[in-house]
PDB file of N, CA and C in Angstrom:
ATOM      1  N   MET A   1     -41.948  22.158 -42.765  1.00  0.00           N
ATOM      2  CA  MET A   1     -42.076  20.837 -41.518  1.00  0.00           C
ATOM      3  C   MET A   1     -42.886  19.812 -42.243  1.00  0.00           C
ATOM      4  N   GLN A   2     -42.527  18.375 -41.968  1.00  0.00           N
ATOM      5  CA  GLN A   2     -43.688  17.363 -42.705  1.00  0.00           C
ATOM      6  C   GLN A   2     -44.637  17.086 -41.762  1.00  0.00           C
ATOM      7  N   LEU A   3     -45.574  16.789 -41.694  1.00  0.00           N
ATOM      8  CA  LEU A   3     -46.365  16.392 -40.817  1.00  0.00           C
ATOM      9  C   LEU A   3     -46.675  14.762 -41.171  1.00  0.00           C
ATOM     10  N   LYS A   4     -46.666  13.854 -40.341  1.00  0.00           N
ATOM     11  CA  LYS A   4     -47.027  12.438 -40.870  1.00  0.00           C
ATOM     12  C   LYS A   4     -48.278  12.290 -40.605  1.00  0.00           C
ATOM     13  N   ASP A   5     -48.776  11.255 -41.219  1.00  0.00           N
ATOM     14  CA  ASP A   5     -49.928  10.617 -41.141  1.00  0.00           C
ATOM     15  C   ASP A   5     -50.129  10.403 -39.766  1.00  0.00           C
ATOM     16  N   PHE A   6     -50.688  10.312 -38.435  1.00  0.00           N
ATOM     17  CA  PHE A   6     -50.792  10.188 -37.333  1.00  0.00           C
ATOM     18  C   PHE A   6     -51.945   9.489 -36.881  1.00  0.00           C
ATOM     19  N   GLY A   7     -52.956   9.454 -37.986  1.00  0.00           N
ATOM     20  CA  GLY A   7     -54.143   9.065 -37.511  1.00  0.00           C
ATOM     21  C   GLY A   7     -55.315  10.070 -37.258  1.00  0.00           C
ATOM     22  N   ARG A   8     -55.672   8.950 -36.598  1.00  0.00           N
ATOM     23  CA  ARG A   8     -57.188   9.977 -36.252  1.00  0.00           C
ATOM     24  C   ARG A   8     -56.617  11.458 -35.181  1.00  0.00           C
ATOM     25  N   GLY A   9     -55.798  11.251 -34.313  1.00  0.00           N
ATOM     26  CA  GLY A   9     -54.954  12.539 -33.785  1.00  0.00           C
ATOM     27  C   GLY A   9     -54.968  13.689 -34.373  1.00  0.00           C
ATOM     28  N   ALA A  10     -53.992  13.597 -35.548  1.00  0.00           N
ATOM     29  CA  ALA A  10     -53.599  14.535 -36.187  1.00  0.00           C
ATOM     30  C   ALA A  10     -54.910  15.399 -36.888  1.00  0.00           C
ATOM     31  N   ARG A  11     -55.910  14.231 -37.371  1.00  0.00           N
ATOM     32  CA  ARG A  11     -56.941  14.821 -38.122  1.00  0.00           C
ATOM     33  C   ARG A  11     -57.981  15.521 -37.176  1.00  0.00           C
ATOM     34  N   ILE A  12     -57.997  15.454 -36.098  1.00  0.00           N
ATOM     35  CA  ILE A  12     -58.769  16.030 -35.115  1.00  0.00           C
ATOM     36  C   ILE A  12     -58.483  17.583 -34.842  1.00  0.00           C
ATOM     37  N   GLU A  13     -57.313  17.007 -34.523  1.00  0.00           N
ATOM     38  CA  GLU A  13     -56.137  18.674 -34.106  1.00  0.00           C
ATOM     39  C   GLU A  13     -56.785  19.640 -35.360  1.00  0.00           C
ATOM     40  N   LEU A  14     -56.268  19.038 -36.668  1.00  0.00           N
ATOM     41  CA  LEU A  14     -56.937  19.628 -38.129  1.00  0.00           C
ATOM     42  C   LEU A  14     -58.088  20.412 -38.294  1.00  0.00           C
ATOM     43  N   SER A  15     -59.284  19.224 -37.631  1.00  0.00           N
ATOM     44  CA  SER A  15     -60.711  20.038 -37.754  1.00  0.00           C
ATOM     45  C   SER A  15     -60.638  21.011 -36.654  1.00  0.00           C
ATOM     46  N   LYS A  16     -60.032  20.985 -35.273  1.00  0.00           N
ATOM     47  CA  LYS A  16     -60.080  22.005 -34.086  1.00  0.00           C
ATOM     48  C   LYS A  16     -59.536  23.628 -35.128  1.00  0.00           C
ATOM     49  N   MET A  17     -58.554  23.244 -35.206  1.00  0.00           N
ATOM     50  CA  MET A  17     -57.761  24.353 -35.764  1.00  0.00           C
ATOM     51  C   MET A  17     -58.697  25.048 -36.971  1.00  0.00           C
ATOM     52  N   ALA A  18     -59.120  24.231 -37.783  1.00  0.00           N
ATOM     53  CA  ALA A  18     -60.056  24.975 -39.056  1.00  0.00           C
ATOM     54  C   ALA A  18     -61.559  25.543 -38.717  1.00  0.00           C
ATOM     55  N   LYS A  19     -61.981  24.773 -37.418  1.00  0.00           N
ATOM     56  CA  LYS A  19     -62.973  25.042 -36.669  1.00  0.00           C
ATOM     57  C   LYS A  19     -62.982  26.496 -36.338  1.00  0.00           C
ATOM     58  N   LEU A  20     -61.685  26.527 -35.644  1.00  0.00           N
ATOM     59  CA  LEU A  20     -61.018  28.260 -34.994  1.00  0.00           C
ATOM     60  C   LEU A  20     -61.360  29.405 -36.263  1.00  0.00           C
ATOM     61  N   LEU A  21     -60.964  29.114 -37.264  1.00  0.00           N
ATOM     62  CA  LEU A  21     -60.462  29.953 -38.458  1.00  0.00           C
ATOM     63  C   LEU A  21     -62.315  29.832 -39.033  1.00  0.00           C
ATOM     64  N   GLY A  22     -62.993  29.701 -38.763  1.00  0.00           N
ATOM     65  CA  GLY A  22     -64.348  29.185 -39.271  1.00  0.00           C
ATOM     66  C   GLY A  22     -64.466  28.677 -40.368  1.00  0.00           C
ATOM     67  N   MET A  23     -63.406  27.484 -40.517  1.00  0.00           N
ATOM     68  CA  MET A  23     -63.712  26.213 -42.132  1.00  0.00           C
ATOM     69  C   MET A  23     -63.986  25.294 -41.149  1.00  0.00           C
ATOM     70  N   LYS A  24     -64.659  24.436 -42.345  1.00  0.00           N
ATOM     71  CA  LYS A  24     -65.004  23.172 -41.929  1.00  0.00           C
ATOM     72  C   LYS A  24     -64.262  22.348 -42.429  1.00  0.00           C
ATOM     73  N   PHE A  25     -63.410  21.535 -41.744  1.00  0.00           N
ATOM     74  CA  PHE A  25     -62.095  20.371 -42.045  1.00  0.00           C
ATOM     75  C   PHE A  25     -62.795  18.989 -42.849  1.00  0.00           C
ATOM     76  N   ILE A  26     -62.526  19.301 -44.117  1.00  0.00           N
ATOM     77  CA  ILE A  26     -62.859  17.837 -45.095  1.00  0.00           C
ATOM     78  C   ILE A  26     -61.852  16.670 -44.708  1.00  0.00           C
ATOM     79  N   GLY A  27     -60.782  17.140 -45.307  1.00  0.00           N
ATOM     80  CA  GLY A  27     -59.799  15.812 -45.184  1.00  0.00           C
ATOM     81  C   GLY A  27     -58.182  16.659 -45.011  1.00  0.00           C
ATOM     82  N   TYR A  28     -57.026  15.489 -44.740  1.00  0.00           N
ATOM     83  CA  TYR A  28     -56.010  15.842 -44.936  1.00  0.00           C
ATOM     84  C   TYR A  28     -55.132  14.342 -45.873  1.00  0.00           C
ATOM     85  N   ASN A  29     -54.210  14.941 -46.745  1.00  0.00           N
ATOM     86  CA  ASN A  29     -53.577  13.889 -47.621  1.00  0.00           C
ATOM     87  C   ASN A  29     -52.374  14.395 -46.982  1.00  0.00           C
ATOM     88  N   PRO A  30     -51.698  13.192 -46.724  1.00  0.00           N
ATOM     89  CA  PRO A  30     -50.067  13.355 -45.718  1.00  0.00           C
ATOM     90  C   PRO A  30     -49.394  12.977 -47.051  1.00  0.00           C
ATOM     91  N   ASN A  31     -49.685  12.246 -47.953  1.00  0.00           N
ATOM     92  CA  ASN A  31     -48.611  12.148 -48.996  1.00  0.00           C
ATOM     93  C   ASN A  31     -48.364  13.168 -49.914  1.00  0.00           C
ATOM     94  N   ALA A  32     -49.700  14.329 -50.468  1.00  0.00           N
ATOM     95  CA  ALA A  32     -48.887  15.561 -50.832  1.00  0.00           C
ATOM     96  C   ALA A  32     -48.987  16.621 -49.735  1.00  0.00           C
ATOM     97  N   GLN A  33     -49.260  16.424 -48.185  1.00  0.00           N
ATOM     98  CA  GLN A  33     -49.122  17.869 -47.180  1.00  0.00           C
ATOM     99  C   GLN A  33     -49.993  18.858 -47.585  1.00  0.00           C
ATOM    100  N   GLN A  34     -51.607  18.076 -47.791  1.00  0.00           N
ATOM    101  CA  GLN A  34     -52.392  19.324 -48.083  1.00  0.00           C
ATOM    102  C   GLN A  34     -53.548  18.694 -47.370  1.00  0.00           C
ATOM    103  N   VAL A  35     -54.336  20.056 -46.681  1.00  0.00           N
ATOM    104  CA  VAL A  35     -55.413  20.155 -46.080  1.00  0.00           C
ATOM    105  C   VAL A  35     -56.497  20.341 -46.608  1.00  0.00           C
ATOM    106  N   SER A  36     -57.696  19.982 -46.947  1.00  0.00           N
ATOM    107  CA  SER A  36     -58.825  20.020 -47.508  1.00  0.00           C
ATOM    108  C   SER A  36     -59.978  20.461 -46.649  1.00  0.00           C
ATOM    109  N   LEU A  37     -60.367  21.823 -46.917  1.00  0.00           N
ATOM    110  CA  LEU A  37     -61.737  22.320 -46.336  1.00  0.00           C
ATOM    111  C   LEU A  37     -62.489  22.830 -47.334  1.00  0.00           C
ATOM    112  N   GLU A  38     -63.495  23.363 -46.094  1.00  0.00           N
ATOM    113  CA  GLU A  38     -65.120  23.715 -46.852  1.00  0.00           C
ATOM    114  C   GLU A  38     -65.141  25.245 -46.091  1.00  0.00           C
ATOM    115  N   LEU A  39     -64.950  26.210 -47.195  1.00  0.00           N
ATOM    116  CA  LEU A  39     -65.104  27.568 -46.719  1.00  0.00           C
ATOM    117  C   LEU A  39     -66.004  28.433 -47.244  1.00  0.00           C
ATOM    118  N   GLU A  40     -67.273  28.707 -46.656  1.00  0.00           N
ATOM    119  CA  GLU A  40     -68.265  28.991 -47.550  1.00  0.00           C
ATOM    120  C   GLU A  40     -69.168  28.452 -48.723  1.00  0.00           C
ATOM    121  N   GLY A  41     -68.948  27.557 -48.306  1.00  0.00           N
ATOM    122  CA  GLY A  41     -69.804  26.501 -49.437  1.00  0.00           C
ATOM    123  C   GLY A  41     -68.941  25.954 -50.343  1.00  0.00           C
ATOM    124  N   LYS A  42     -67.621  26.455 -50.726  1.00  0.00           N
ATOM    125  CA  LYS A  42     -66.821  25.960 -51.384  1.00  0.00           C
ATOM    126  C   LYS A  42     -66.156  24.714 -51.153  1.00  0.00           C
ATOM    127  N   GLY A  43     -64.955  23.955 -51.778  1.00  0.00           N
ATOM    128  CA  GLY A  43     -64.097  23.061 -51.077  1.00  0.00           C
ATOM    129  C   GLY A  43     -62.570  23.674 -51.399  1.00  0.00           C
ATOM    130  N   VAL A  44     -61.990  23.967 -50.744  1.00  0.00           N
ATOM    131  CA  VAL A  44     -60.761  24.706 -50.682  1.00  0.00           C
ATOM    132  C   VAL A  44     -59.277  23.752 -50.201  1.00  0.00           C
ATOM    133  N   THR A  45     -58.362  23.481 -50.825  1.00  0.00           N
ATOM    134  CA  THR A  45     -57.249  22.509 -50.537  1.00  0.00           C
ATOM    135  C   THR A  45     -55.772  23.625 -50.199  1.00  0.00           C
ATOM    136  N   TYR A  46     -55.242  24.179 -49.258  1.00  0.00           N
ATOM    137  CA  TYR A  46     -54.094  24.379 -48.601  1.00  0.00           C
ATOM    138  C   TYR A  46     -53.225  23.836 -48.441  1.00  0.00           C
ATOM    139  N   PRO A  47     -51.866  24.230 -48.598  1.00  0.00           N
ATOM    140  CA  PRO A  47     -50.757  23.323 -48.366  1.00  0.00           C
ATOM    141  C   PRO A  47     -50.664  23.404 -46.854  1.00  0.00           C
ATOM    142  N   LEU A  48     -50.088  22.268 -46.838  1.00  0.00           N
ATOM    143  CA  LEU A  48     -50.145  22.235 -44.903  1.00  0.00           C
ATOM    144  C   LEU A  48     -49.559  23.447 -44.114  1.00  0.00           C
ATOM    145  N   GLU A  49     -48.406  23.840 -44.760  1.00  0.00           N
ATOM    146  CA  GLU A  49     -47.175  24.554 -44.380  1.00  0.00           C
ATOM    147  C   GLU A  49     -48.165  26.118 -43.938  1.00  0.00           C
ATOM    148  N   GLU A  50     -48.786  26.404 -45.786  1.00  0.00           N
ATOM    149  CA  GLU A  50     -49.763  27.854 -45.057  1.00  0.00           C
ATOM    150  C   GLU A  50     -51.017  27.832 -44.815  1.00  0.00           C
ATOM    151  N   PHE A  51     -51.388  26.317 -44.447  1.00  0.00           N
ATOM    152  CA  PHE A  51     -52.778  26.279 -43.119  1.00  0.00           C
ATOM    153  C   PHE A  51     -52.204  26.866 -41.912  1.00  0.00           C
ATOM    154  N   ILE A  52     -50.865  26.102 -41.507  1.00  0.00           N
ATOM    155  CA  ILE A  52     -50.495  26.139 -40.326  1.00  0.00           C
ATOM    156  C   ILE A  52     -50.460  27.766 -39.940  1.00  0.00           C
ATOM    157  N   GLN A  53     -49.773  28.504 -40.864  1.00  0.00           N
ATOM    158  CA  GLN A  53     -49.454  30.168 -40.922  1.00  0.00           C
ATOM    159  C   GLN A  53     -50.655  30.216 -40.709  1.00  0.00           C
ATOM    160  N   LYS A  54     -51.674  30.351 -41.743  1.00  0.00           N
ATOM    161  CA  LYS A  54     -52.547  31.300 -41.437  1.00  0.00           C
ATOM    162  C   LYS A  54     -53.314  31.173 -40.394  1.00  0.00           C
ATOM    163  N   TYR A  55     -52.933  29.717 -39.543  1.00  0.00           N
ATOM    164  CA  TYR A  55     -53.673  29.675 -38.165  1.00  0.00           C
ATOM    165  C   TYR A  55     -53.071  30.454 -37.022  1.00  0.00           C
ATOM    166  N   GLU A  56     -51.728  30.067 -37.483  1.00  0.00           N
ATOM    167  CA  GLU A  56     -50.446  30.981 -35.942  1.00  0.00           C
ATOM    168  C   GLU A  56     -50.752  32.436 -36.102  1.00  0.00           C
ATOM    169  N   SER A  57     -51.380  33.025 -37.600  1.00  0.00           N
ATOM    170  CA  SER A  57     -51.293  34.426 -37.738  1.00  0.00           C
ATOM    171  C   SER A  57     -52.670  35.052 -37.097  1.00  0.00           C
ATOM    172  N   VAL A  58     -53.911  33.973 -37.045  1.00  0.00           N
ATOM    173  CA  VAL A  58     -54.800  34.525 -36.488  1.00  0.00           C
ATOM    174  C   VAL A  58     -55.223  33.991 -34.868  1.00  0.00           C
ATOM    175  N   CYS A  59     -54.535  32.901 -34.695  1.00  0.00           N
ATOM    176  CA  CYS A  59     -54.538  32.377 -33.006  1.00  0.00           C
ATOM    177  C   CYS A  59     -53.345  31.837 -32.855  1.00  0.00           C
ATOM    178  N   PRO A  60     -52.720  33.029 -32.261  1.00  0.00           N
ATOM    179  CA  PRO A  60     -50.991  32.741 -32.032  1.00  0.00           C
ATOM    180  C   PRO A  60     -51.340  32.056 -30.544  1.00  0.00           C
ATOM    181  N   THR A  61     -50.239  31.403 -30.503  1.00  0.00           N
ATOM    182  CA  THR A  61     -50.213  30.475 -29.375  1.00  0.00           C
ATOM    183  C   THR A  61     -49.066  31.052 -28.296  1.00  0.00           C
ATOM    184  N   ALA A  62     -49.081  30.744 -26.772  1.00  0.00           N
ATOM    185  CA  ALA A  62     -48.432  31.377 -25.922  1.00  0.00           C
ATOM    186  C   ALA A  62     -47.061  30.580 -26.641  1.00  0.00           C
TER     187      ALA A  62
END
């Protein structure tokens, strides 16, 4: 899955997803397909695909 840089809208959605997982959204790198987050005061970077899988396992959609 390739998520292109759609600008602010994509970042807002990723931020909402991170908040539901108890993380703070820091940024999104569309070239590397990575999401940067803050978890328990530490910065972590997830591949986009892994982040989405984690979100879907915790917050399943209809």
